[in-house]
Amino acid sequence: AKRLIDAATRPIAEDAFLEWAVEKRFINSTKAMLIDLEKCVRCDDCVRACAATHGGNPKFVRHGETFANLMVANACMHCVDPVCMIGCPTGAIHRTTQEGAVIINDLTCIGCGTCANSCPYDNIRLVPIREKNGQPVLDPVSREPILKATKCDLCSSLPSGPSCVNACPHNALKREDIQSLLQRTAQMSI
């Protein structure tokens, strides 16, 4: 009964955000990249920091769906139920035991694209792998660049956490569990 009362007294804006998050399927996220558009000055320090951390290839794009002043950027959300893991023939995409991050093992990824095709957010891309000198590695038969899947890995190799978050000079970017954000929003409006 308390839930019904709470729902009846909740502000319409809160319901709108909840409906938007459900419609976009963002409530499956455990680490969405949220950008406060009132703080963000579009300097792209976050993108440059990601690229610097990952050999020149940023693992996200600073655009995405928006609600009011909040953007959910196109970066892996490290979902509660990651459908991208289903069907990977080598098990290259998996969840880490430490943080629960969904990551791709570059050594076992064969570039089949199953994970990229499964991601409902289009946050996994196939990119050419490169030699140390920056040249793409070519398939010996087709002479086409060899592709592998890439996505945000929360900078799992860095003890300081995601370089994009740490690089933002305006504290506009956070990695957030959408469920927790919804709960905090509900508590603030009571």
Protein backbone atom coordinates (compact mmCIF):
# COMPACT_ATOMS: atom_id res chain seq x y z
CA ALA A 1 0.00 0.00 0.00
CA LYS A 2 2.91 2.38 0.76
CA ARG A 3 4.15 2.01 -2.83
CA LEU A 4 0.76 3.09 -4.16
CA ILE A 5 0.75 6.12 -1.88
CA ASP A 6 4.34 6.97 -2.88
CA ALA A 7 3.41 6.68 -6.57
CA ALA A 8 0.43 8.96 -6.06
CA THR A 9 2.52 11.66 -4.36
CA ARG A 10 5.60 11.43 -6.59
CA PRO A 11 6.26 14.47 -8.81
CA ILE A 12 5.37 14.04 -12.49
CA ALA A 13 8.96 14.87 -13.50
CA GLU A 14 10.22 11.87 -11.54
CA ASP A 15 7.73 9.60 -13.29
CA ALA A 16 8.79 11.05 -16.63
CA PHE A 17 12.44 10.22 -15.94
CA LEU A 18 11.50 6.69 -14.85
CA GLU A 19 9.36 6.17 -17.95
CA TRP A 20 12.17 7.49 -20.16
CA ALA A 21 14.75 5.19 -18.50
CA VAL A 22 12.45 2.19 -18.93
CA GLU A 23 11.60 3.05 -22.54
CA LYS A 24 15.29 3.38 -23.45
CA ARG A 25 16.11 0.23 -21.42
CA PHE A 26 18.67 2.18 -19.38
CA ILE A 27 17.49 0.63 -16.12
CA ASN A 28 19.54 -2.46 -17.07
CA SER A 29 22.68 -0.34 -16.58
CA THR A 30 25.08 -0.66 -13.66
CA LYS A 31 27.67 1.88 -14.89
CA ALA A 32 26.06 4.22 -17.42
CA MET A 33 28.14 7.21 -18.48
CA LEU A 34 26.04 10.18 -17.45
CA ILE A 35 26.98 13.67 -18.57
CA ASP A 36 25.47 16.75 -16.96
CA LEU A 37 24.96 18.97 -20.00
CA GLU A 38 24.79 22.10 -17.83
CA LYS A 39 28.36 21.43 -16.61
CA CYS A 40 29.82 19.93 -19.80
CA VAL A 41 31.59 22.45 -22.03
CA ARG A 42 32.20 19.92 -24.85
CA CYS A 43 35.98 20.11 -24.44
CA ASP A 44 36.37 16.37 -25.20
CA ASP A 45 38.99 15.90 -22.48
CA CYS A 46 37.08 12.72 -21.59
CA VAL A 47 37.43 11.34 -25.13
CA ARG A 48 41.13 12.24 -25.31
CA ALA A 49 41.81 10.62 -21.93
CA CYS A 50 40.06 7.44 -23.06
CA ALA A 51 42.04 7.39 -26.30
CA ALA A 52 45.32 7.96 -24.45
CA THR A 53 44.52 5.07 -22.12
CA HIS A 54 43.61 2.72 -24.96
CA GLY A 55 46.34 3.10 -27.55
CA GLY A 56 44.79 6.01 -29.43
CA ASN A 57 41.31 4.48 -29.82
CA PRO A 58 38.58 5.96 -27.60
CA LYS A 59 36.12 3.31 -26.46
CA PHE A 60 33.06 5.57 -26.36
CA VAL A 61 31.39 8.40 -28.23
CA ARG A 62 30.34 11.58 -26.40
CA HIS A 63 26.80 11.67 -27.66
CA GLY A 64 23.66 9.78 -26.75
CA GLU A 65 20.10 10.00 -25.51
CA THR A 66 19.16 13.00 -23.36
CA PHE A 67 16.57 13.74 -20.73
CA ALA A 68 16.45 17.35 -19.54
CA ASN A 69 20.10 18.25 -18.78
CA LEU A 70 21.28 14.62 -18.55
CA MET A 71 22.89 12.66 -21.39
CA VAL A 72 23.43 8.91 -21.32
CA ALA A 73 26.50 8.74 -23.55
CA ASN A 74 27.20 5.94 -26.00
CA ALA A 75 29.51 3.96 -23.74
CA CYS A 76 29.12 0.47 -22.36
CA MET A 77 26.64 0.38 -19.49
CA HIS A 78 27.98 -2.83 -17.96
CA CYS A 79 24.43 -4.16 -17.81
CA VAL A 80 22.88 -6.25 -15.07
CA ASP A 81 21.91 -8.74 -17.77
CA PRO A 82 24.42 -8.19 -20.62
CA VAL A 83 22.92 -9.66 -23.79
CA CYS A 84 26.19 -8.90 -25.58
CA MET A 85 27.74 -11.89 -23.81
CA ILE A 86 25.23 -14.32 -25.29
CA GLY A 87 26.58 -16.18 -28.28
CA CYS A 88 30.23 -15.10 -28.14
CA PRO A 89 31.87 -18.18 -29.70
CA THR A 90 35.15 -17.78 -27.78
CA GLY A 91 33.93 -16.33 -24.48
CA ALA A 92 35.99 -13.22 -25.19
CA ILE A 93 33.31 -10.93 -23.74
CA HIS A 94 32.85 -11.64 -20.06
CA ARG A 95 32.23 -10.07 -16.64
CA THR A 96 35.16 -9.39 -14.31
CA THR A 97 34.99 -10.80 -10.82
CA GLN A 98 36.39 -7.67 -9.11
CA GLU A 99 34.07 -4.88 -10.31
CA GLY A 100 31.52 -6.79 -12.34
CA ALA A 101 32.58 -4.86 -15.45
CA VAL A 102 31.79 -6.41 -18.82
CA ILE A 103 35.03 -6.52 -20.81
CA ILE A 104 36.37 -7.97 -24.05
CA ASN A 105 39.56 -10.03 -24.07
CA ASP A 106 41.46 -8.79 -27.12
CA LEU A 107 43.47 -12.00 -27.33
CA THR A 108 40.44 -14.27 -27.71
CA CYS A 109 38.14 -11.93 -29.67
CA ILE A 110 37.86 -13.13 -33.27
CA GLY A 111 35.97 -10.06 -34.53
CA CYS A 112 32.80 -11.94 -35.45
CA GLY A 113 30.58 -9.03 -34.36
CA THR A 114 28.08 -11.13 -32.39
CA CYS A 115 28.43 -8.89 -29.33
CA ALA A 116 28.17 -5.68 -31.39
CA ASN A 117 25.03 -6.94 -33.10
CA SER A 118 23.50 -7.95 -29.75
CA CYS A 119 24.12 -4.70 -27.85
CA PRO A 120 20.79 -2.83 -27.72
CA TYR A 121 22.64 0.47 -27.20
CA ASP A 122 25.10 0.21 -30.13
CA ASN A 123 27.96 0.65 -27.67
CA ILE A 124 30.24 -2.03 -29.14
CA ARG A 125 32.12 -1.28 -32.33
CA LEU A 126 34.34 -3.33 -34.60
CA VAL A 127 37.63 -1.52 -35.22
CA PRO A 128 40.78 -2.45 -37.13
CA ILE A 129 43.56 -3.82 -34.96
CA ARG A 130 46.84 -2.02 -35.47
CA GLU A 131 50.55 -2.67 -35.39
CA LYS A 132 52.69 -0.73 -32.91
CA ASN A 133 53.47 1.75 -35.69
CA GLY A 134 49.74 2.44 -36.16
CA GLN A 135 49.29 0.53 -39.41
CA PRO A 136 46.22 -1.75 -39.59
CA VAL A 137 46.92 -5.49 -39.46
CA LEU A 138 45.71 -6.99 -42.74
CA ASP A 139 44.21 -10.42 -43.34
CA PRO A 140 46.81 -12.32 -45.41
CA VAL A 141 44.16 -13.68 -47.82
CA SER A 142 41.67 -10.82 -48.30
CA ARG A 143 44.16 -7.99 -47.60
CA GLU A 144 41.35 -6.29 -45.62
CA PRO A 145 41.97 -4.92 -42.10
CA ILE A 146 41.34 -7.43 -39.31
CA LEU A 147 38.58 -6.15 -37.02
CA LYS A 148 38.01 -6.78 -33.33
CA ALA A 149 35.26 -5.69 -30.96
CA THR A 150 35.88 -2.76 -28.65
CA LYS A 151 33.88 -1.03 -25.95
CA CYS A 152 34.35 0.74 -22.65
CA ASP A 153 36.14 -1.43 -20.11
CA LEU A 154 35.90 1.10 -17.23
CA CYS A 155 39.69 1.36 -17.52
CA SER A 156 39.87 -1.88 -15.57
CA SER A 157 43.68 -1.85 -15.85
CA LEU A 158 43.91 1.49 -14.02
CA PRO A 159 43.73 1.58 -10.21
CA SER A 160 42.38 5.15 -10.40
CA GLY A 161 39.27 4.08 -12.34
CA PRO A 162 37.81 5.40 -15.59
CA SER A 163 40.13 7.94 -17.20
CA CYS A 164 37.16 9.77 -18.78
CA VAL A 165 35.71 10.57 -15.34
CA ASN A 166 39.09 11.58 -13.92
CA ALA A 167 39.85 13.84 -16.90
CA CYS A 168 36.66 15.91 -16.79
CA PRO A 169 37.70 19.37 -15.52
CA HIS A 170 34.09 20.32 -14.73
CA ASN A 171 32.97 17.18 -12.90
CA ALA A 172 30.26 16.79 -15.55
CA LEU A 173 30.77 13.08 -16.15
CA LYS A 174 29.91 10.23 -13.80
CA ARG A 175 29.54 6.46 -14.06
CA GLU A 176 26.24 5.66 -12.42
CA ASP A 177 23.84 2.83 -11.73
CA ILE A 178 20.51 4.09 -13.14
CA GLN A 179 18.58 2.23 -10.41
CA SER A 180 20.53 4.11 -7.71
CA LEU A 181 19.97 7.40 -9.53
CA LEU A 182 16.21 6.73 -9.59
CA GLN A 183 16.23 5.92 -5.86
CA ARG A 184 18.17 9.12 -5.01
CA THR A 185 15.81 11.18 -7.16
CA ALA A 186 12.85 9.68 -5.30
CA GLN A 187 14.43 10.43 -1.90
CA MET A 188 15.22 14.05 -2.85
CA SER A 189 11.64 14.71 -3.93
CA ILE A 190 10.05 13.42 -0.70
